[in-house]
Amino acid sequence: LTLPRHDRCPVCRRPDVTSVALTEEARDAIIMQVHSSVSVETGGILVGCVDDNRRAIVFRATGPGPRAVKSPTEFDRDIEYVQSQLDKASRELGNRGLYVGEWHSHLEKAPEPSARDIMSMCGIAESPNYATRCPVLLIAGIDRESAQVSTFTTWCFPLGGRVYAILHEVLSGGTTDGA
């Protein structure tokens, strides 16, 4: 037996975000932060907007902040710092300077969200303080031998507890079609 899809059903509806597009500036900021902390996890927040095609366009990726907690197996961002960066982006970018999600690194080549990552992102989707029903998580995988970023994986966490692996791209030359 099957039921037809229902757009308001949290189980079968498509998520509000189905892909991520990073500007070159945002990608480069992530890579720079990861390369400065290759022996520990690091991260920050993703700032941008969601376009009419359900694509999260990331214009900025913050660093972790001076009071961030970093270790080889976990990362906690400096909340006051990233909030100040989000406030600044909102003033400068208007409706293109919104919180769209989080990013951090894992000390592995092909990273997937940990149980802690999933709990955190589902909590963000449920929280009215973040103003998003579908936060994005980008994880930068590190190749320990070369100490370089080996890959980005991207995920979305729509309200309701589902987890979706989603595609990502890098926008060349600042292209933001439809944003």
C-alpha atoms as a PDB file:
ATOM      1  CA  LEU A   1       0.000   0.000   0.000  1.00  0.00           C
ATOM      2  CA  THR A   2       1.151   3.518  -0.721  1.00  0.00           C
ATOM      3  CA  LEU A   3      -0.155   6.975  -0.009  1.00  0.00           C
ATOM      4  CA  PRO A   4       0.150   9.859  -2.438  1.00  0.00           C
ATOM      5  CA  ARG A   5       2.626  12.600  -1.524  1.00  0.00           C
ATOM      6  CA  HIS A   6       1.217  15.481   0.453  1.00  0.00           C
ATOM      7  CA  ASP A   7       3.052  18.822   0.374  1.00  0.00           C
ATOM      8  CA  ARG A   8       2.401  19.556   4.048  1.00  0.00           C
ATOM      9  CA  CYS A   9       3.577  16.151   5.266  1.00  0.00           C
ATOM     10  CA  PRO A  10       6.964  16.461   7.063  1.00  0.00           C
ATOM     11  CA  VAL A  11       7.900  12.941   5.951  1.00  0.00           C
ATOM     12  CA  CYS A  12       7.223  13.030   2.226  1.00  0.00           C
ATOM     13  CA  ARG A  13       7.512  16.679   1.228  1.00  0.00           C
ATOM     14  CA  ARG A  14      10.643  17.992  -0.421  1.00  0.00           C
ATOM     15  CA  PRO A  15      12.895  19.997   1.897  1.00  0.00           C
ATOM     16  CA  ASP A  16      12.953  23.797   1.687  1.00  0.00           C
ATOM     17  CA  VAL A  17      16.607  23.575   0.594  1.00  0.00           C
ATOM     18  CA  THR A  18      17.646  21.053  -2.059  1.00  0.00           C
ATOM     19  CA  SER A  19      21.154  22.267  -2.967  1.00  0.00           C
ATOM     20  CA  VAL A  20      23.909  24.652  -1.875  1.00  0.00           C
ATOM     21  CA  ALA A  21      25.818  27.156  -4.007  1.00  0.00           C
ATOM     22  CA  LEU A  22      28.958  28.678  -2.497  1.00  0.00           C
ATOM     23  CA  THR A  23      30.532  31.832  -3.823  1.00  0.00           C
ATOM     24  CA  GLU A  24      34.256  31.509  -4.421  1.00  0.00           C
ATOM     25  CA  GLU A  25      34.776  33.915  -1.506  1.00  0.00           C
ATOM     26  CA  ALA A  26      32.846  31.645   0.881  1.00  0.00           C
ATOM     27  CA  ARG A  27      34.628  28.509  -0.350  1.00  0.00           C
ATOM     28  CA  ASP A  28      38.026  30.167  -0.008  1.00  0.00           C
ATOM     29  CA  ALA A  29      37.206  31.375   3.524  1.00  0.00           C
ATOM     30  CA  ILE A  30      36.356  27.807   4.568  1.00  0.00           C
ATOM     31  CA  ILE A  31      39.505  26.371   3.007  1.00  0.00           C
ATOM     32  CA  MET A  32      41.669  29.052   4.659  1.00  0.00           C
ATOM     33  CA  GLN A  33      40.169  28.333   8.088  1.00  0.00           C
ATOM     34  CA  VAL A  34      40.573  24.565   7.653  1.00  0.00           C
ATOM     35  CA  HIS A  35      44.196  24.905   6.529  1.00  0.00           C
ATOM     36  CA  SER A  36      44.956  26.995   9.618  1.00  0.00           C
ATOM     37  CA  SER A  37      43.577  24.205  11.870  1.00  0.00           C
ATOM     38  CA  VAL A  38      44.363  20.892  10.151  1.00  0.00           C
ATOM     39  CA  SER A  39      44.926  18.960  13.383  1.00  0.00           C
ATOM     40  CA  VAL A  40      41.605  19.982  14.988  1.00  0.00           C
ATOM     41  CA  GLU A  41      38.054  20.571  13.819  1.00  0.00           C
ATOM     42  CA  THR A  42      37.094  24.159  13.067  1.00  0.00           C
ATOM     43  CA  GLY A  43      34.017  25.831  11.622  1.00  0.00           C
ATOM     44  CA  GLY A  44      31.579  28.702  11.590  1.00  0.00           C
ATOM     45  CA  ILE A  45      28.253  29.691  10.092  1.00  0.00           C
ATOM     46  CA  LEU A  46      27.010  30.029   6.515  1.00  0.00           C
ATOM     47  CA  VAL A  47      25.468  33.372   5.575  1.00  0.00           C
ATOM     48  CA  GLY A  48      23.325  33.913   2.495  1.00  0.00           C
ATOM     49  CA  CYS A  49      19.779  33.294   1.309  1.00  0.00           C
ATOM     50  CA  VAL A  50      17.549  30.662  -0.266  1.00  0.00           C
ATOM     51  CA  ASP A  51      16.419  31.371  -3.829  1.00  0.00           C
ATOM     52  CA  ASP A  52      13.171  30.416  -5.573  1.00  0.00           C
ATOM     53  CA  ASN A  53      14.761  27.142  -6.749  1.00  0.00           C
ATOM     54  CA  ARG A  54      15.330  26.003  -3.124  1.00  0.00           C
ATOM     55  CA  ARG A  55      19.061  26.601  -3.471  1.00  0.00           C
ATOM     56  CA  ALA A  56      20.925  27.996  -0.473  1.00  0.00           C
ATOM     57  CA  ILE A  57      23.340  30.576  -1.842  1.00  0.00           C
ATOM     58  CA  VAL A  58      26.212  31.139   0.567  1.00  0.00           C
ATOM     59  CA  PHE A  59      27.868  34.531   0.229  1.00  0.00           C
ATOM     60  CA  ARG A  60      29.964  34.333   3.397  1.00  0.00           C
ATOM     61  CA  ALA A  61      31.341  31.669   5.701  1.00  0.00           C
ATOM     62  CA  THR A  62      32.483  32.945   9.063  1.00  0.00           C
ATOM     63  CA  GLY A  63      35.424  31.684  11.039  1.00  0.00           C
ATOM     64  CA  PRO A  64      35.028  30.047  14.436  1.00  0.00           C
ATOM     65  CA  GLY A  65      35.744  33.101  16.598  1.00  0.00           C
ATOM     66  CA  PRO A  66      38.418  33.652  19.248  1.00  0.00           C
ATOM     67  CA  ARG A  67      36.602  31.706  21.984  1.00  0.00           C
ATOM     68  CA  ALA A  68      35.747  28.655  19.890  1.00  0.00           C
ATOM     69  CA  VAL A  69      36.467  25.214  21.324  1.00  0.00           C
ATOM     70  CA  LYS A  70      38.407  23.000  18.925  1.00  0.00           C
ATOM     71  CA  SER A  71      39.642  19.428  19.284  1.00  0.00           C
ATOM     72  CA  PRO A  72      40.354  16.526  16.920  1.00  0.00           C
ATOM     73  CA  THR A  73      36.829  15.185  17.468  1.00  0.00           C
ATOM     74  CA  GLU A  74      34.572  18.167  18.122  1.00  0.00           C
ATOM     75  CA  PHE A  75      34.016  21.848  17.526  1.00  0.00           C
ATOM     76  CA  ASP A  76      31.931  24.511  19.286  1.00  0.00           C
ATOM     77  CA  ARG A  77      31.817  27.940  17.681  1.00  0.00           C
ATOM     78  CA  ASP A  78      32.165  31.233  19.558  1.00  0.00           C
ATOM     79  CA  ILE A  79      28.484  32.216  19.656  1.00  0.00           C
ATOM     80  CA  GLU A  80      29.042  35.927  20.316  1.00  0.00           C
ATOM     81  CA  TYR A  81      31.562  36.193  17.491  1.00  0.00           C
ATOM     82  CA  VAL A  82      29.445  34.459  14.837  1.00  0.00           C
ATOM     83  CA  GLN A  83      26.383  36.473  15.909  1.00  0.00           C
ATOM     84  CA  SER A  84      28.355  39.692  15.407  1.00  0.00           C
ATOM     85  CA  GLN A  85      29.416  38.461  11.956  1.00  0.00           C
ATOM     86  CA  LEU A  86      25.810  37.583  11.087  1.00  0.00           C
ATOM     87  CA  ASP A  87      24.628  41.021  12.248  1.00  0.00           C
ATOM     88  CA  LYS A  88      27.310  42.671  10.107  1.00  0.00           C
ATOM     89  CA  ALA A  89      26.368  40.589   7.050  1.00  0.00           C
ATOM     90  CA  SER A  90      22.701  41.412   7.553  1.00  0.00           C
ATOM     91  CA  ARG A  91      23.476  45.134   7.570  1.00  0.00           C
ATOM     92  CA  GLU A  92      25.723  44.876   4.501  1.00  0.00           C
ATOM     93  CA  LEU A  93      23.781  42.337   2.423  1.00  0.00           C
ATOM     94  CA  GLY A  94      20.174  42.886   3.533  1.00  0.00           C
ATOM     95  CA  ASN A  95      18.014  39.864   2.713  1.00  0.00           C
ATOM     96  CA  ARG A  96      21.084  38.120   1.257  1.00  0.00           C
ATOM     97  CA  GLY A  97      22.776  38.183   4.671  1.00  0.00           C
ATOM     98  CA  LEU A  98      20.700  35.622   6.540  1.00  0.00           C
ATOM     99  CA  TYR A  99      21.701  32.579   8.541  1.00  0.00           C
ATOM    100  CA  VAL A 100      21.445  29.501   6.282  1.00  0.00           C
ATOM    101  CA  GLY A 101      23.441  26.975   8.276  1.00  0.00           C
ATOM    102  CA  GLU A 102      26.695  25.767   9.748  1.00  0.00           C
ATOM    103  CA  TRP A 103      30.007  24.498   8.470  1.00  0.00           C
ATOM    104  CA  HIS A 104      32.827  22.641  10.157  1.00  0.00           C
ATOM    105  CA  SER A 105      35.657  20.279   9.351  1.00  0.00           C
ATOM    106  CA  HIS A 106      36.159  16.605  10.098  1.00  0.00           C
ATOM    107  CA  LEU A 107      39.571  14.952  10.168  1.00  0.00           C
ATOM    108  CA  GLU A 108      38.566  12.409   7.532  1.00  0.00           C
ATOM    109  CA  LYS A 109      38.432  12.373   3.735  1.00  0.00           C
ATOM    110  CA  ALA A 110      34.731  11.540   3.264  1.00  0.00           C
ATOM    111  CA  PRO A 111      32.871  13.116   6.182  1.00  0.00           C
ATOM    112  CA  GLU A 112      29.305  12.455   7.222  1.00  0.00           C
ATOM    113  CA  PRO A 113      27.369  14.141  10.027  1.00  0.00           C
ATOM    114  CA  SER A 114      28.010  12.656  13.453  1.00  0.00           C
ATOM    115  CA  ALA A 115      25.172  11.898  15.861  1.00  0.00           C
ATOM    116  CA  ARG A 116      26.048  15.159  17.632  1.00  0.00           C
ATOM    117  CA  ASP A 117      25.892  17.057  14.315  1.00  0.00           C
ATOM    118  CA  ILE A 118      22.459  15.616  13.558  1.00  0.00           C
ATOM    119  CA  MET A 119      21.087  16.457  16.994  1.00  0.00           C
ATOM    120  CA  SER A 120      22.476  19.993  16.782  1.00  0.00           C
ATOM    121  CA  MET A 121      21.101  20.680  13.303  1.00  0.00           C
ATOM    122  CA  CYS A 122      17.663  19.233  14.114  1.00  0.00           C
ATOM    123  CA  GLY A 123      17.626  21.476  17.193  1.00  0.00           C
ATOM    124  CA  ILE A 124      18.441  24.485  15.012  1.00  0.00           C
ATOM    125  CA  ALA A 125      15.539  23.604  12.665  1.00  0.00           C
ATOM    126  CA  GLU A 126      13.193  23.516  15.664  1.00  0.00           C
ATOM    127  CA  SER A 127      14.465  26.719  17.282  1.00  0.00           C
ATOM    128  CA  PRO A 128      12.685  30.001  16.460  1.00  0.00           C
ATOM    129  CA  ASN A 129      15.945  31.874  17.199  1.00  0.00           C
ATOM    130  CA  TYR A 130      17.566  30.772  13.931  1.00  0.00           C
ATOM    131  CA  ALA A 131      14.704  31.780  11.599  1.00  0.00           C
ATOM    132  CA  THR A 132      15.154  28.745   9.359  1.00  0.00           C
ATOM    133  CA  ARG A 133      13.102  25.589   9.065  1.00  0.00           C
ATOM    134  CA  CYS A 134      15.780  23.852   7.009  1.00  0.00           C
ATOM    135  CA  PRO A 135      19.366  24.602   8.070  1.00  0.00           C
ATOM    136  CA  VAL A 136      22.266  23.443   5.921  1.00  0.00           C
ATOM    137  CA  LEU A 137      25.418  21.710   7.157  1.00  0.00           C
ATOM    138  CA  LEU A 138      28.610  21.730   5.118  1.00  0.00           C
ATOM    139  CA  ILE A 139      31.410  19.472   6.313  1.00  0.00           C
ATOM    140  CA  ALA A 140      34.920  19.957   4.948  1.00  0.00           C
ATOM    141  CA  GLY A 141      36.793  16.664   4.883  1.00  0.00           C
ATOM    142  CA  ILE A 142      40.530  16.786   5.517  1.00  0.00           C
ATOM    143  CA  ASP A 143      43.056  14.413   3.983  1.00  0.00           C
ATOM    144  CA  ARG A 144      45.459  13.960   6.896  1.00  0.00           C
ATOM    145  CA  GLU A 145      48.391  12.918   4.687  1.00  0.00           C
ATOM    146  CA  SER A 146      48.329  16.051   2.538  1.00  0.00           C
ATOM    147  CA  ALA A 147      46.746  18.317   5.213  1.00  0.00           C
ATOM    148  CA  GLN A 148      44.386  19.595   2.505  1.00  0.00           C
ATOM    149  CA  VAL A 149      40.621  19.799   2.138  1.00  0.00           C
ATOM    150  CA  SER A 150      39.678  16.654   0.238  1.00  0.00           C
ATOM    151  CA  THR A 151      35.950  17.247  -0.204  1.00  0.00           C
ATOM    152  CA  PHE A 152      32.881  19.121   0.906  1.00  0.00           C
ATOM    153  CA  THR A 153      29.722  17.245   1.805  1.00  0.00           C
ATOM    154  CA  THR A 154      26.443  19.104   2.254  1.00  0.00           C
ATOM    155  CA  TRP A 155      23.296  18.178   4.110  1.00  0.00           C
ATOM    156  CA  CYS A 156      19.985  19.769   5.015  1.00  0.00           C
ATOM    157  CA  PHE A 157      17.886  19.197   8.111  1.00  0.00           C
ATOM    158  CA  PRO A 158      14.264  20.200   7.540  1.00  0.00           C
ATOM    159  CA  LEU A 159      11.978  20.605  10.504  1.00  0.00           C
ATOM    160  CA  GLY A 160      10.616  17.178  11.334  1.00  0.00           C
ATOM    161  CA  GLY A 161      13.867  15.287  11.839  1.00  0.00           C
ATOM    162  CA  ARG A 162      14.761  14.102   8.332  1.00  0.00           C
ATOM    163  CA  VAL A 163      18.324  14.348   7.038  1.00  0.00           C
ATOM    164  CA  TYR A 164      19.068  14.801   3.339  1.00  0.00           C
ATOM    165  CA  ALA A 165      22.412  14.676   1.564  1.00  0.00           C
ATOM    166  CA  ILE A 166      22.250  17.508  -0.976  1.00  0.00           C
ATOM    167  CA  LEU A 167      24.373  18.649  -3.889  1.00  0.00           C
ATOM    168  CA  HIS A 168      26.686  21.632  -3.769  1.00  0.00           C
ATOM    169  CA  GLU A 169      28.437  23.789  -6.322  1.00  0.00           C
ATOM    170  CA  VAL A 170      30.820  26.724  -6.382  1.00  0.00           C
ATOM    171  CA  LEU A 171      29.652  29.799  -8.236  1.00  0.00           C
ATOM    172  CA  SER A 172      32.348  31.213 -10.468  1.00  0.00           C
ATOM    173  CA  GLY A 173      32.656  34.967 -10.708  1.00  0.00           C
ATOM    174  CA  GLY A 174      30.009  35.644  -8.085  1.00  0.00           C
ATOM    175  CA  THR A 175      27.103  34.423 -10.250  1.00  0.00           C
ATOM    176  CA  THR A 176      23.870  34.309  -8.268  1.00  0.00           C
ATOM    177  CA  ASP A 177      21.170  33.596 -10.850  1.00  0.00           C
ATOM    178  CA  GLY A 178      17.784  34.220  -9.311  1.00  0.00           C
ATOM    179  CA  ALA A 179      19.029  35.362  -5.923  1.00  0.00           C
END
